[in-house]
């Protein structure tokens, strides 16, 4: 397991690699977009984001003010 400082050093050493990778992916997807028809798709299916487990405990204002 890497320590936090070892991970940061390795991440900074690989930053140029990541930059080239993302630039290449950007150019690839731009080329794909130019070839394809421009269309949009909207998904209206509701997705549950989280449970309101502690919603009763959350107070924006003190109880005296409400």
PDB file of N, CA and C in Angstrom:
ATOM      1  N   UNK A   1       0.845  -1.178   0.000  1.00  0.00           N
ATOM      2  CA  UNK A   1       0.000   0.000   0.000  1.00  0.00           C
ATOM      3  C   UNK A   1       0.886   1.236   0.000  1.00  0.00           C
ATOM      4  N   UNK A   2       0.574   2.183  -0.867  1.00  0.00           N
ATOM      5  CA  UNK A   2       1.345   3.418  -0.937  1.00  0.00           C
ATOM      6  C   UNK A   2       0.898   4.388   0.144  1.00  0.00           C
ATOM      7  N   UNK A   3       1.856   5.128   0.642  1.00  0.00           N
ATOM      8  CA  UNK A   3       1.483   6.195   1.565  1.00  0.00           C
ATOM      9  C   UNK A   3       0.957   7.375   0.740  1.00  0.00           C
ATOM     10  N   UNK A   4       0.407   8.340   1.413  1.00  0.00           N
ATOM     11  CA  UNK A   4      -0.159   9.506   0.726  1.00  0.00           C
ATOM     12  C   UNK A   4       0.923  10.262  -0.042  1.00  0.00           C
ATOM     13  N   UNK A   5       2.090  10.439   0.538  1.00  0.00           N
ATOM     14  CA  UNK A   5       3.163  11.181  -0.127  1.00  0.00           C
ATOM     15  C   UNK A   5       3.709  10.396  -1.320  1.00  0.00           C
ATOM     16  N   UNK A   6       3.825   9.073  -1.202  1.00  0.00           N
ATOM     17  CA  UNK A   6       4.280   8.263  -2.328  1.00  0.00           C
ATOM     18  C   UNK A   6       3.287   8.325  -3.484  1.00  0.00           C
ATOM     19  N   UNK A   7       2.012   8.270  -3.159  1.00  0.00           N
ATOM     20  CA  UNK A   7       0.991   8.369  -4.197  1.00  0.00           C
ATOM     21  C   UNK A   7       1.071   9.717  -4.907  1.00  0.00           C
ATOM     22  N   UNK A   8       1.221  10.805  -4.138  1.00  0.00           N
ATOM     23  CA  UNK A   8       1.310  12.137  -4.740  1.00  0.00           C
ATOM     24  C   UNK A   8       2.532  12.262  -5.640  1.00  0.00           C
ATOM     25  N   UNK A   9       3.670  11.719  -5.213  1.00  0.00           N
ATOM     26  CA  UNK A   9       4.873  11.781  -6.044  1.00  0.00           C
ATOM     27  C   UNK A   9       4.681  11.027  -7.353  1.00  0.00           C
ATOM     28  N   UNK A  10       4.083   9.849  -7.280  1.00  0.00           N
ATOM     29  CA  UNK A  10       3.842   9.073  -8.501  1.00  0.00           C
ATOM     30  C   UNK A  10       2.825   9.762  -9.404  1.00  0.00           C
ATOM     31  N   UNK A  11       1.825  10.351  -8.807  1.00  0.00           N
ATOM     32  CA  UNK A  11       0.807  11.060  -9.585  1.00  0.00           C
ATOM     33  C   UNK A  11       1.415  12.251 -10.311  1.00  0.00           C
ATOM     34  N   UNK A  12       2.272  13.007  -9.647  1.00  0.00           N
ATOM     35  CA  UNK A  12       2.911  14.164 -10.275  1.00  0.00           C
ATOM     36  C   UNK A  12       3.890  13.746 -11.366  1.00  0.00           C
ATOM     37  N   UNK A  13       4.555  12.607 -11.183  1.00  0.00           N
ATOM     38  CA  UNK A  13       5.458  12.111 -12.227  1.00  0.00           C
ATOM     39  C   UNK A  13       4.683  11.703 -13.470  1.00  0.00           C
ATOM     40  N   UNK A  14       3.457  11.225 -13.304  1.00  0.00           N
ATOM     41  CA  UNK A  14       2.643  10.756 -14.421  1.00  0.00           C
ATOM     42  C   UNK A  14       1.740  11.842 -14.981  1.00  0.00           C
ATOM     43  N   UNK A  15       1.855  13.080 -14.521  1.00  0.00           N
ATOM     44  CA  UNK A  15       0.937  14.138 -14.960  1.00  0.00           C
ATOM     45  C   UNK A  15       1.039  14.401 -16.461  1.00  0.00           C
ATOM     46  N   UNK A  16       2.259  14.359 -17.024  1.00  0.00           N
ATOM     47  CA  UNK A  16       2.397  14.560 -18.474  1.00  0.00           C
ATOM     48  C   UNK A  16       1.720  13.432 -19.248  1.00  0.00           C
ATOM     49  N   UNK A  17       1.842  12.227 -18.744  1.00  0.00           N
ATOM     50  CA  UNK A  17       1.190  11.093 -19.388  1.00  0.00           C
ATOM     51  C   UNK A  17      -0.321  11.266 -19.399  1.00  0.00           C
ATOM     52  N   UNK A  18      -0.886  11.684 -18.262  1.00  0.00           N
ATOM     53  CA  UNK A  18      -2.322  11.908 -18.192  1.00  0.00           C
ATOM     54  C   UNK A  18      -2.753  13.031 -19.128  1.00  0.00           C
ATOM     55  N   UNK A  19      -1.950  14.085 -19.215  1.00  0.00           N
ATOM     56  CA  UNK A  19      -2.292  15.202 -20.087  1.00  0.00           C
ATOM     57  C   UNK A  19      -2.353  14.742 -21.545  1.00  0.00           C
ATOM     58  N   UNK A  20      -1.355  13.974 -21.984  1.00  0.00           N
ATOM     59  CA  UNK A  20      -1.351  13.470 -23.354  1.00  0.00           C
ATOM     60  C   UNK A  20      -2.509  12.502 -23.596  1.00  0.00           C
ATOM     61  N   UNK A  21      -2.812  11.675 -22.609  1.00  0.00           N
ATOM     62  CA  UNK A  21      -3.911  10.733 -22.726  1.00  0.00           C
ATOM     63  C   UNK A  21      -5.237  11.467 -22.907  1.00  0.00           C
ATOM     64  N   UNK A  22      -5.497  12.464 -22.069  1.00  0.00           N
ATOM     65  CA  UNK A  22      -6.759  13.191 -22.156  1.00  0.00           C
ATOM     66  C   UNK A  22      -6.846  14.037 -23.427  1.00  0.00           C
ATOM     67  N   UNK A  23      -5.727  14.589 -23.877  1.00  0.00           N
ATOM     68  CA  UNK A  23      -5.747  15.333 -25.135  1.00  0.00           C
ATOM     69  C   UNK A  23      -6.064  14.403 -26.303  1.00  0.00           C
ATOM     70  N   UNK A  24      -5.483  13.209 -26.288  1.00  0.00           N
ATOM     71  CA  UNK A  24      -5.776  12.231 -27.334  1.00  0.00           C
ATOM     72  C   UNK A  24      -7.225  11.793 -27.321  1.00  0.00           C
ATOM     73  N   UNK A  25      -7.768  11.562 -26.132  1.00  0.00           N
ATOM     74  CA  UNK A  25      -9.177  11.185 -26.026  1.00  0.00           C
ATOM     75  C   UNK A  25     -10.088  12.309 -26.497  1.00  0.00           C
ATOM     76  N   UNK A  26      -9.716  13.548 -26.191  1.00  0.00           N
ATOM     77  CA  UNK A  26     -10.507  14.695 -26.636  1.00  0.00           C
ATOM     78  C   UNK A  26     -10.542  14.768 -28.150  1.00  0.00           C
ATOM     79  N   UNK A  27      -9.386  14.621 -28.790  1.00  0.00           N
ATOM     80  CA  UNK A  27      -9.337  14.660 -30.250  1.00  0.00           C
ATOM     81  C   UNK A  27     -10.127  13.505 -30.860  1.00  0.00           C
ATOM     82  N   UNK A  28     -10.045  12.330 -30.259  1.00  0.00           N
ATOM     83  CA  UNK A  28     -10.791  11.177 -30.754  1.00  0.00           C
ATOM     84  C   UNK A  28     -12.293  11.424 -30.696  1.00  0.00           C
ATOM     85  N   UNK A  29     -12.794  11.908 -29.557  1.00  0.00           N
ATOM     86  CA  UNK A  29     -14.228  12.115 -29.418  1.00  0.00           C
ATOM     87  C   UNK A  29     -14.721  13.276 -30.262  1.00  0.00           C
ATOM     88  N   UNK A  30     -13.886  14.294 -30.473  1.00  0.00           N
ATOM     89  CA  UNK A  30     -14.277  15.378 -31.371  1.00  0.00           C
ATOM     90  C   UNK A  30     -14.414  14.874 -32.795  1.00  0.00           C
ATOM     91  N   UNK A  31     -13.502  14.004 -33.218  1.00  0.00           N
ATOM     92  CA  UNK A  31     -13.575  13.436 -34.563  1.00  0.00           C
ATOM     93  C   UNK A  31     -14.820  12.558 -34.702  1.00  0.00           C
ATOM     94  N   UNK A  32     -15.145  11.786 -33.684  1.00  0.00           N
ATOM     95  CA  UNK A  32     -16.337  10.944 -33.716  1.00  0.00           C
ATOM     96  C   UNK A  32     -17.597  11.792 -33.777  1.00  0.00           C
ATOM     97  N   UNK A  33     -17.588  12.918 -33.087  1.00  0.00           N
ATOM     98  CA  UNK A  33     -18.756  13.795 -33.048  1.00  0.00           C
ATOM     99  C   UNK A  33     -18.995  14.432 -34.407  1.00  0.00           C
ATOM    100  N   UNK A  34     -17.921  14.783 -35.118  1.00  0.00           N
ATOM    101  CA  UNK A  34     -18.069  15.408 -36.424  1.00  0.00           C
ATOM    102  C   UNK A  34     -18.634  14.424 -37.441  1.00  0.00           C
ATOM    103  N   UNK A  35     -18.324  13.138 -37.314  1.00  0.00           N
ATOM    104  CA  UNK A  35     -18.816  12.139 -38.238  1.00  0.00           C
ATOM    105  C   UNK A  35     -20.271  11.770 -37.960  1.00  0.00           C
ATOM    106  N   UNK A  36     -20.678  11.836 -36.736  1.00  0.00           N
ATOM    107  CA  UNK A  36     -22.024  11.403 -36.350  1.00  0.00           C
ATOM    108  C   UNK A  36     -23.017  12.544 -36.523  1.00  0.00           C
ATOM    109  N   UNK A  37     -24.270  12.162 -36.619  1.00  0.00           N
ATOM    110  CA  UNK A  37     -25.324  13.173 -36.637  1.00  0.00           C
ATOM    111  C   UNK A  37     -25.420  13.813 -35.272  1.00  0.00           C
ATOM    112  N   UNK A  38     -25.711  15.085 -35.256  1.00  0.00           N
ATOM    113  CA  UNK A  38     -25.891  15.760 -33.964  1.00  0.00           C
ATOM    114  C   UNK A  38     -27.296  15.465 -33.461  1.00  0.00           C
ATOM    115  N   UNK A  39     -27.373  14.789 -32.374  1.00  0.00           N
ATOM    116  CA  UNK A  39     -28.645  14.463 -31.764  1.00  0.00           C
ATOM    117  C   UNK A  39     -28.483  14.425 -30.267  1.00  0.00           C
ATOM    118  N   UNK A  40     -29.584  14.598 -29.579  1.00  0.00           N
ATOM    119  CA  UNK A  40     -29.536  14.607 -28.132  1.00  0.00           C
ATOM    120  C   UNK A  40     -30.508  13.582 -27.593  1.00  0.00           C
ATOM    121  N   UNK A  41     -30.160  13.032 -26.479  1.00  0.00           N
ATOM    122  CA  UNK A  41     -30.981  12.040 -25.811  1.00  0.00           C
ATOM    123  C   UNK A  41     -31.169  12.484 -24.368  1.00  0.00           C
ATOM    124  N   UNK A  42     -32.416  12.519 -23.931  1.00  0.00           N
ATOM    125  CA  UNK A  42     -32.704  12.927 -22.559  1.00  0.00           C
ATOM    126  C   UNK A  42     -33.356  11.757 -21.842  1.00  0.00           C
ATOM    127  N   UNK A  43     -32.768  11.389 -20.724  1.00  0.00           N
ATOM    128  CA  UNK A  43     -33.294  10.303 -19.917  1.00  0.00           C
ATOM    129  C   UNK A  43     -34.128  10.912 -18.805  1.00  0.00           C
ATOM    130  N   UNK A  44     -35.408  10.628 -18.791  1.00  0.00           N
ATOM    131  CA  UNK A  44     -36.287  11.217 -17.778  1.00  0.00           C
ATOM    132  C   UNK A  44     -36.665  10.223 -16.690  1.00  0.00           C
ATOM    133  N   UNK A  45     -35.983   9.090 -16.634  1.00  0.00           N
ATOM    134  CA  UNK A  45     -36.267   8.088 -15.618  1.00  0.00           C
ATOM    135  C   UNK A  45     -35.743   8.572 -14.275  1.00  0.00           C
ATOM    136  N   UNK A  46     -36.574   8.596 -13.239  1.00  0.00           N
ATOM    137  CA  UNK A  46     -36.105   9.076 -11.932  1.00  0.00           C
ATOM    138  C   UNK A  46     -35.095   8.113 -11.302  1.00  0.00           C
ATOM    139  N   UNK A  47     -34.081   8.674 -10.709  1.00  0.00           N
ATOM    140  CA  UNK A  47     -33.035   7.893 -10.057  1.00  0.00           C
ATOM    141  C   UNK A  47     -32.966   8.312  -8.601  1.00  0.00           C
ATOM    142  N   UNK A  48     -32.990   7.345  -7.705  1.00  0.00           N
ATOM    143  CA  UNK A  48     -32.888   7.636  -6.286  1.00  0.00           C
ATOM    144  C   UNK A  48     -31.452   8.015  -5.967  1.00  0.00           C
ATOM    145  N   UNK A  49     -31.262   9.182  -5.394  1.00  0.00           N
ATOM    146  CA  UNK A  49     -29.918   9.680  -5.133  1.00  0.00           C
ATOM    147  C   UNK A  49     -29.426   9.258  -3.762  1.00  0.00           C
ATOM    148  N   UNK A  50     -30.205   9.472  -2.744  1.00  0.00           N
ATOM    149  CA  UNK A  50     -29.772   9.117  -1.395  1.00  0.00           C
ATOM    150  C   UNK A  50     -30.990   8.910  -0.501  1.00  0.00           C
ATOM    151  N   UNK A  51     -30.743   8.293   0.623  1.00  0.00           N
ATOM    152  CA  UNK A  51     -31.780   8.135   1.633  1.00  0.00           C
ATOM    153  C   UNK A  51     -31.742   9.342   2.561  1.00  0.00           C
ATOM    154  N   UNK A  52     -32.894   9.807   2.944  1.00  0.00           N
ATOM    155  CA  UNK A  52     -32.968  10.925   3.888  1.00  0.00           C
ATOM    156  C   UNK A  52     -32.992  10.370   5.304  1.00  0.00           C
ATOM    157  N   UNK A  53     -31.879   9.793   5.697  1.00  0.00           N
ATOM    158  CA  UNK A  53     -31.804   9.152   7.004  1.00  0.00           C
ATOM    159  C   UNK A  53     -31.760  10.201   8.105  1.00  0.00           C
ATOM    160  N   UNK A  54     -30.941  11.239   7.907  1.00  0.00           N
ATOM    161  CA  UNK A  54     -30.777  12.239   8.964  1.00  0.00           C
ATOM    162  C   UNK A  54     -31.450  13.560   8.603  1.00  0.00           C
ATOM    163  N   UNK A  55     -32.445  13.539   7.747  1.00  0.00           N
ATOM    164  CA  UNK A  55     -33.078  14.797   7.358  1.00  0.00           C
ATOM    165  C   UNK A  55     -33.777  15.480   8.533  1.00  0.00           C
ATOM    166  N   UNK A  56     -34.256  14.701   9.513  1.00  0.00           N
ATOM    167  CA  UNK A  56     -34.892  15.305  10.685  1.00  0.00           C
ATOM    168  C   UNK A  56     -33.881  16.007  11.587  1.00  0.00           C
ATOM    169  N   UNK A  57     -32.621  15.572  11.542  1.00  0.00           N
ATOM    170  CA  UNK A  57     -31.590  16.155  12.393  1.00  0.00           C
ATOM    171  C   UNK A  57     -30.990  17.415  11.793  1.00  0.00           C
ATOM    172  N   UNK A  58     -31.178  17.632  10.511  1.00  0.00           N
ATOM    173  CA  UNK A  58     -30.575  18.775   9.826  1.00  0.00           C
ATOM    174  C   UNK A  58     -31.436  20.012  10.042  1.00  0.00           C
ATOM    175  N   UNK A  59     -30.832  21.071  10.538  1.00  0.00           N
ATOM    176  CA  UNK A  59     -31.541  22.333  10.767  1.00  0.00           C
ATOM    177  C   UNK A  59     -30.724  23.466  10.163  1.00  0.00           C
ATOM    178  N   UNK A  60     -31.359  24.254   9.314  1.00  0.00           N
ATOM    179  CA  UNK A  60     -30.666  25.402   8.763  1.00  0.00           C
ATOM    180  C   UNK A  60     -30.697  26.578   9.728  1.00  0.00           C
ATOM    181  N   UNK A  61     -31.772  26.649  10.512  1.00  0.00           N
ATOM    182  CA  UNK A  61     -31.943  27.730  11.482  1.00  0.00           C
ATOM    183  C   UNK A  61     -32.245  27.119  12.843  1.00  0.00           C
ATOM    184  N   UNK A  62     -31.930  27.820  13.866  1.00  0.00           N
ATOM    185  CA  UNK A  62     -32.287  27.318  15.200  1.00  0.00           C
ATOM    186  C   UNK A  62     -33.798  27.119  15.311  1.00  0.00           C
ATOM    187  N   UNK A  63     -34.223  26.212  16.158  1.00  0.00           N
ATOM    188  CA  UNK A  63     -35.655  25.914  16.285  1.00  0.00           C
ATOM    189  C   UNK A  63     -36.439  27.113  16.824  1.00  0.00           C
ATOM    190  N   UNK A  64     -35.777  27.998  17.568  1.00  0.00           N
ATOM    191  CA  UNK A  64     -36.479  29.165  18.103  1.00  0.00           C
ATOM    192  C   UNK A  64     -36.873  30.136  16.996  1.00  0.00           C
ATOM    193  N   UNK A  65     -36.109  30.193  15.917  1.00  0.00           N
ATOM    194  CA  UNK A  65     -36.374  31.141  14.843  1.00  0.00           C
ATOM    195  C   UNK A  65     -37.508  30.695  13.943  1.00  0.00           C
ATOM    196  N   UNK A  66     -37.859  29.408  13.973  1.00  0.00           N
ATOM    197  CA  UNK A  66     -38.900  28.928  13.058  1.00  0.00           C
ATOM    198  C   UNK A  66     -40.261  28.910  13.683  1.00  0.00           C
TER     199      UNK A  66
END
